């Protein structure tokens, strides 16, 4: 009875700690299950270096589990040039600054053609707590970094990272030769490393660690009005599948990483010819397993 009561009680307790926000658009569903993951950063210093005022989201990922075929985890560069409903064309992360979760959801749906079934937002500060709760993670980067903006100091290779280091690893882009694209790859690496540690079977014998991990994660987590703890569990399984050998990770097809349409600075232009078919293949599970997208090949 105790073995049965503990996980049930843990689920009930965890479900009660989840914070909710109005986010979903109510659009007609598309096949499969689609999760929009956003890493938010509430900036209290006014206007940021790219001209975006107030809160913004520097991490935007679309996780899709099709009815059949491989799961995919696609990073949308925060500077993606996109049409924002009611606002005109701008950088994708401006949608969150202007209209929070609802406008970001609508913008992503318009950009991809996929209806968002679940919205999950985590504050950047939560990354530190989660990484520390799992006892740190191992991260890899093949070049030295001493980046003043993110405060990441790194020697080429693989090293154990605590919470603050993992956060800096996730945020660094000015010292990355691939800029926002490289940062997206590192963000997926951090989340994958956390998932691997959290899936460790030894946690079953560590109830205190279970509570600390859930508490750290849910304290900085905000989800849409319909998502509960079971949905988050399904998301974790889909995320694990996408990051596995049979899954898909990467970005949409990019035609210009320094597109300057005027008025919004440097943006990332998705390939207008390849993108529609790409998102249809994501939806239908037709993409082959592996890494997709990235910077255009010269």
Protein backbone atom coordinates (compact mmCIF):
# COMPACT_ATOMS: atom_id res chain seq x y z
CA UNK A 1 0.00 0.00 0.00
CA UNK A 2 2.84 2.39 0.78
CA UNK A 3 4.49 1.66 -2.58
CA UNK A 4 1.20 2.50 -4.28
CA UNK A 5 0.34 5.51 -2.12
CA UNK A 6 3.66 7.32 -2.63
CA UNK A 7 3.52 7.79 -6.44
CA UNK A 8 -0.21 8.61 -6.34
CA UNK A 9 0.33 11.16 -3.60
CA UNK A 10 3.32 12.59 -5.43
CA UNK A 11 1.25 13.06 -8.60
CA UNK A 12 -1.62 14.73 -6.72
CA UNK A 13 0.81 17.02 -4.88
CA UNK A 14 2.67 17.90 -8.10
CA UNK A 15 -0.53 18.57 -10.03
CA UNK A 16 -1.63 21.03 -7.36
CA UNK A 17 1.60 23.02 -7.68
CA UNK A 18 1.27 23.68 -11.42
CA UNK A 19 0.69 27.31 -12.39
CA UNK A 20 -1.64 27.99 -15.30
CA UNK A 21 -2.03 30.81 -17.82
CA UNK A 22 -4.46 31.47 -20.65
CA UNK A 23 -2.44 30.60 -23.74
CA UNK A 24 -4.20 28.39 -26.29
CA UNK A 25 -5.83 29.91 -29.37
CA UNK A 26 -8.78 27.54 -29.69
CA UNK A 27 -7.84 26.83 -33.32
CA UNK A 28 -8.95 23.55 -34.91
CA UNK A 29 -6.57 20.75 -34.01
CA UNK A 30 -3.98 19.30 -36.35
CA UNK A 31 -2.91 15.61 -36.36
CA UNK A 32 -0.62 14.47 -33.55
CA UNK A 33 0.27 16.24 -30.31
CA UNK A 34 2.12 19.57 -30.39
CA UNK A 35 3.88 21.22 -27.45
CA UNK A 36 5.24 24.77 -27.54
CA UNK A 37 8.13 25.17 -25.08
CA UNK A 38 9.22 28.69 -24.21
CA UNK A 39 12.05 29.89 -22.00
CA UNK A 40 11.03 33.28 -20.64
CA UNK A 41 13.23 36.04 -19.30
CA UNK A 42 11.52 38.90 -17.45
CA UNK A 43 13.82 41.86 -18.03
CA UNK A 44 13.46 44.54 -15.39
CA UNK A 45 15.94 46.93 -16.96
CA UNK A 46 13.59 48.30 -19.61
CA UNK A 47 14.59 47.93 -23.24
CA UNK A 48 17.00 45.11 -24.08
CA UNK A 49 19.90 45.28 -26.52
CA UNK A 50 17.75 44.29 -29.49
CA UNK A 51 15.08 46.91 -28.83
CA UNK A 52 12.52 44.56 -27.29
CA UNK A 53 10.94 46.03 -24.19
CA UNK A 54 10.01 44.06 -21.09
CA UNK A 55 9.69 40.28 -20.82
CA UNK A 56 10.77 38.15 -23.74
CA UNK A 57 11.46 34.53 -24.61
CA UNK A 58 14.92 33.60 -25.83
CA UNK A 59 14.11 29.90 -26.19
CA UNK A 60 11.29 28.70 -28.44
CA UNK A 61 10.96 25.01 -29.28
CA UNK A 62 8.20 23.02 -30.95
CA UNK A 63 7.91 19.41 -29.82
CA UNK A 64 5.65 17.28 -32.00
CA UNK A 65 4.56 13.67 -31.54
CA UNK A 66 2.84 12.57 -34.77
CA UNK A 67 0.23 9.83 -34.97
CA UNK A 68 2.90 7.68 -36.59
CA UNK A 69 6.55 8.29 -37.34
CA UNK A 70 9.36 9.90 -35.33
CA UNK A 71 8.88 12.61 -32.73
CA UNK A 72 10.60 15.92 -33.49
CA UNK A 73 12.04 18.76 -31.41
CA UNK A 74 12.47 21.84 -33.58
CA UNK A 75 14.13 25.01 -32.29
CA UNK A 76 12.69 28.25 -33.66
CA UNK A 77 15.38 30.96 -33.54
CA UNK A 78 14.12 33.82 -31.38
CA UNK A 79 15.03 36.28 -34.18
CA UNK A 80 12.97 34.41 -36.80
CA UNK A 81 11.27 36.94 -39.09
CA UNK A 82 7.56 36.23 -38.71
CA UNK A 83 4.18 37.83 -39.21
CA UNK A 84 2.75 38.60 -35.77
CA UNK A 85 -1.07 38.76 -35.75
CA UNK A 86 -2.27 42.32 -35.32
CA UNK A 87 1.27 43.70 -35.14
CA UNK A 88 2.90 43.11 -38.50
CA UNK A 89 6.21 41.44 -39.32
CA UNK A 90 8.94 41.38 -36.67
CA UNK A 91 11.21 39.04 -34.71
CA UNK A 92 9.40 36.03 -33.31
CA UNK A 93 10.28 36.74 -29.69
CA UNK A 94 8.62 40.17 -29.95
CA UNK A 95 5.27 38.33 -29.99
CA UNK A 96 5.80 37.30 -26.36
CA UNK A 97 6.90 40.79 -25.36
CA UNK A 98 3.82 42.35 -26.98
CA UNK A 99 1.15 39.82 -26.11
CA UNK A 100 2.54 37.15 -23.80
CA UNK A 101 1.78 33.47 -24.26
CA UNK A 102 -1.43 33.89 -26.31
CA UNK A 103 0.21 36.00 -29.01
CA UNK A 104 3.29 33.77 -29.12
CA UNK A 105 1.06 30.71 -29.60
CA UNK A 106 -0.90 32.39 -32.40
CA UNK A 107 2.31 33.52 -34.12
CA UNK A 108 3.88 30.05 -33.99
CA UNK A 109 0.68 28.45 -35.27
CA UNK A 110 0.57 30.88 -38.19
CA UNK A 111 4.26 30.29 -38.94
CA UNK A 112 4.15 26.49 -38.82
CA UNK A 113 0.60 25.49 -39.65
CA UNK A 114 0.54 23.34 -36.49
CA UNK A 115 -2.04 23.90 -33.75
CA UNK A 116 -0.44 24.10 -30.30
CA UNK A 117 -2.08 21.61 -27.93
CA UNK A 118 0.08 22.41 -24.88
CA UNK A 119 2.04 25.51 -23.90
CA UNK A 120 4.90 25.11 -21.40
CA UNK A 121 6.92 28.10 -20.20
CA UNK A 122 9.87 27.99 -17.84
CA UNK A 123 11.68 30.94 -16.31
CA UNK A 124 15.40 30.95 -17.03
CA UNK A 125 16.15 30.94 -13.32
CA UNK A 126 14.42 27.57 -13.10
CA UNK A 127 17.16 25.96 -15.16
CA UNK A 128 19.62 26.49 -12.33
CA UNK A 129 17.36 24.88 -9.75
CA UNK A 130 16.52 21.87 -11.91
CA UNK A 131 20.15 21.16 -12.83
CA UNK A 132 21.21 21.42 -9.19
CA UNK A 133 18.29 19.18 -8.14
CA UNK A 134 19.54 16.35 -10.40
CA UNK A 135 23.10 16.80 -9.11
CA UNK A 136 24.49 18.60 -12.15
CA UNK A 137 24.82 17.50 -15.78
CA UNK A 138 27.64 16.83 -18.21
CA UNK A 139 27.82 19.25 -21.15
CA UNK A 140 30.12 19.37 -24.17
CA UNK A 141 31.44 22.21 -26.32
CA UNK A 142 34.40 21.88 -28.67
CA UNK A 143 35.90 25.37 -28.29
CA UNK A 144 37.04 27.70 -25.50
CA UNK A 145 34.66 30.43 -24.32
CA UNK A 146 35.10 33.50 -22.14
CA UNK A 147 31.86 35.38 -22.75
CA UNK A 148 31.21 38.49 -20.65
CA UNK A 149 27.50 38.77 -21.52
CA UNK A 150 26.46 35.27 -20.45
CA UNK A 151 29.37 34.91 -17.98
CA UNK A 152 30.23 31.52 -19.47
CA UNK A 153 33.86 30.50 -19.09
CA UNK A 154 34.52 27.15 -20.78
CA UNK A 155 37.50 25.06 -21.83
CA UNK A 156 36.93 22.96 -24.95
CA UNK A 157 35.64 19.48 -24.13
CA UNK A 158 33.06 17.84 -21.88
CA UNK A 159 32.72 18.93 -18.26
CA UNK A 160 30.27 18.56 -15.36
CA UNK A 161 28.13 21.68 -14.98
CA UNK A 162 26.17 23.01 -12.02
CA UNK A 163 23.02 25.12 -12.31
CA UNK A 164 24.59 28.55 -12.96
CA UNK A 165 27.04 27.09 -15.49
CA UNK A 166 24.27 25.24 -17.34
CA UNK A 167 22.23 28.45 -17.50
CA UNK A 168 25.17 30.41 -18.92
CA UNK A 169 25.81 27.54 -21.37
CA UNK A 170 22.18 27.84 -22.53
CA UNK A 171 22.21 31.62 -22.94
CA UNK A 172 25.59 32.27 -24.56
CA UNK A 173 25.40 33.33 -28.22
CA UNK A 174 27.74 36.27 -28.84
CA UNK A 175 30.80 34.02 -28.63
CA UNK A 176 29.17 31.28 -30.68
CA UNK A 177 30.24 31.23 -34.35
CA UNK A 178 26.71 30.12 -35.26
CA UNK A 179 25.01 32.74 -33.07
CA UNK A 180 21.39 31.94 -32.29
CA UNK A 181 21.54 28.63 -34.19
CA UNK A 182 24.43 27.39 -32.06
CA UNK A 183 22.66 28.53 -28.91
CA UNK A 184 19.59 26.52 -29.89
CA UNK A 185 21.77 23.41 -30.23
CA UNK A 186 23.22 23.97 -26.76
CA UNK A 187 19.78 24.55 -25.26
CA UNK A 188 18.62 21.20 -26.63
CA UNK A 189 21.78 19.63 -25.20
CA UNK A 190 21.06 21.03 -21.72
CA UNK A 191 17.44 19.85 -21.73
CA UNK A 192 18.53 16.45 -23.04
CA UNK A 193 21.12 16.14 -20.26
CA UNK A 194 18.53 17.05 -17.63
CA UNK A 195 16.09 14.51 -19.07
CA UNK A 196 18.74 11.79 -18.98
CA UNK A 197 19.54 12.45 -15.31
CA UNK A 198 15.86 12.70 -14.37
CA UNK A 199 15.17 9.32 -16.04
CA UNK A 200 17.79 7.59 -13.89
CA UNK A 201 16.10 4.58 -12.26
CA UNK A 202 18.00 5.23 -9.03
CA UNK A 203 15.64 8.17 -8.43
CA UNK A 204 12.94 5.62 -7.60
CA UNK A 205 14.84 4.93 -4.40
CA UNK A 206 15.35 8.61 -3.55
CA UNK A 207 12.01 10.16 -2.55
CA UNK A 208 13.73 13.28 -1.26
CA UNK A 209 15.38 13.86 -4.63
CA UNK A 210 12.05 13.26 -6.37
CA UNK A 211 10.41 15.98 -4.30
CA UNK A 212 13.32 18.39 -4.81
CA UNK A 213 13.29 17.85 -8.58
CA UNK A 214 9.53 18.31 -8.93
CA UNK A 215 9.56 21.31 -6.61
CA UNK A 216 12.41 22.97 -8.54
CA UNK A 217 10.79 22.31 -11.89
CA UNK A 218 7.21 23.30 -11.11
CA UNK A 219 8.21 26.40 -9.15
CA UNK A 220 9.35 28.07 -12.37
CA UNK A 221 6.88 26.38 -14.72
CA UNK A 222 3.74 27.92 -16.22
CA UNK A 223 1.47 25.93 -18.53
CA UNK A 224 -1.74 26.52 -20.46
CA UNK A 225 -5.11 26.24 -18.79
CA UNK A 226 -5.71 22.60 -19.85
CA UNK A 227 -2.30 21.00 -19.23
CA UNK A 228 -1.79 18.86 -16.13
CA UNK A 229 0.89 16.63 -14.65
CA UNK A 230 -0.06 13.67 -16.88
CA UNK A 231 0.33 15.85 -19.98
CA UNK A 232 3.77 16.91 -18.74
CA UNK A 233 4.67 13.25 -18.32
CA UNK A 234 3.62 12.54 -21.92
CA UNK A 235 5.67 15.52 -23.03
CA UNK A 236 8.72 14.13 -21.25
CA UNK A 237 8.32 10.83 -23.11
CA UNK A 238 7.94 12.62 -26.45
CA UNK A 239 10.96 14.76 -25.67
CA UNK A 240 13.02 11.69 -24.85
CA UNK A 241 11.93 10.04 -28.11
CA UNK A 242 12.82 13.15 -30.15
CA UNK A 243 16.29 13.27 -28.58
CA UNK A 244 16.86 9.55 -29.05
CA UNK A 245 18.45 7.79 -32.04
CA UNK A 246 15.08 7.47 -33.78
CA UNK A 247 14.02 11.08 -33.25
CA UNK A 248 14.43 14.39 -35.04
CA UNK A 249 16.11 17.55 -33.75
CA UNK A 250 17.21 20.77 -35.41
CA UNK A 251 15.71 23.90 -36.91
CA UNK A 252 13.44 24.70 -39.85
CA UNK A 253 15.15 25.31 -43.21
CA UNK A 254 16.92 28.70 -43.06
CA UNK A 255 17.62 30.79 -46.15
CA UNK A 256 19.33 33.81 -44.54
CA UNK A 257 20.66 34.04 -40.95
CA UNK A 258 21.24 37.79 -41.31
CA UNK A 259 18.11 38.98 -43.09
CA UNK A 260 17.61 42.74 -42.73
CA UNK A 261 14.14 43.76 -43.93
CA UNK A 262 14.37 47.20 -42.31
CA UNK A 263 13.06 48.48 -39.02
CA UNK A 264 13.79 45.39 -36.90
CA UNK A 265 17.53 44.86 -37.33
CA UNK A 266 19.10 41.51 -38.18
CA UNK A 267 16.64 38.60 -38.33
CA UNK A 268 16.63 34.94 -39.32
CA UNK A 269 14.72 34.24 -42.51
CA UNK A 270 13.19 30.79 -42.87
CA UNK A 271 13.30 29.37 -46.39
CA UNK A 272 9.94 30.35 -47.94
CA UNK A 273 10.12 27.56 -50.53
CA UNK A 274 11.11 24.67 -48.24
CA UNK A 275 9.32 25.59 -45.01
CA UNK A 276 5.71 24.63 -45.94
CA UNK A 277 6.71 21.08 -46.93
CA UNK A 278 9.00 20.84 -43.90
CA UNK A 279 6.21 21.62 -41.42
CA UNK A 280 3.83 19.26 -43.24
CA UNK A 281 6.40 16.46 -42.90
CA UNK A 282 6.88 17.26 -39.19
CA UNK A 283 3.10 17.08 -38.72
CA UNK A 284 2.76 13.78 -40.56
CA UNK A 285 5.90 12.11 -39.18
CA UNK A 286 7.54 11.80 -42.60
CA UNK A 287 10.95 13.30 -41.86
CA UNK A 288 13.82 10.80 -41.52
CA UNK A 289 15.43 10.51 -38.09
CA UNK A 290 18.41 12.74 -37.44
CA UNK A 291 19.35 16.42 -37.43
CA UNK A 292 17.48 18.77 -39.76
CA UNK A 293 17.71 22.39 -40.89
CA UNK A 294 20.54 24.59 -39.66
CA UNK A 295 22.42 27.27 -41.53
CA UNK A 296 22.24 27.20 -45.34
CA UNK A 297 25.09 25.33 -46.99
CA UNK A 298 27.18 27.40 -49.40
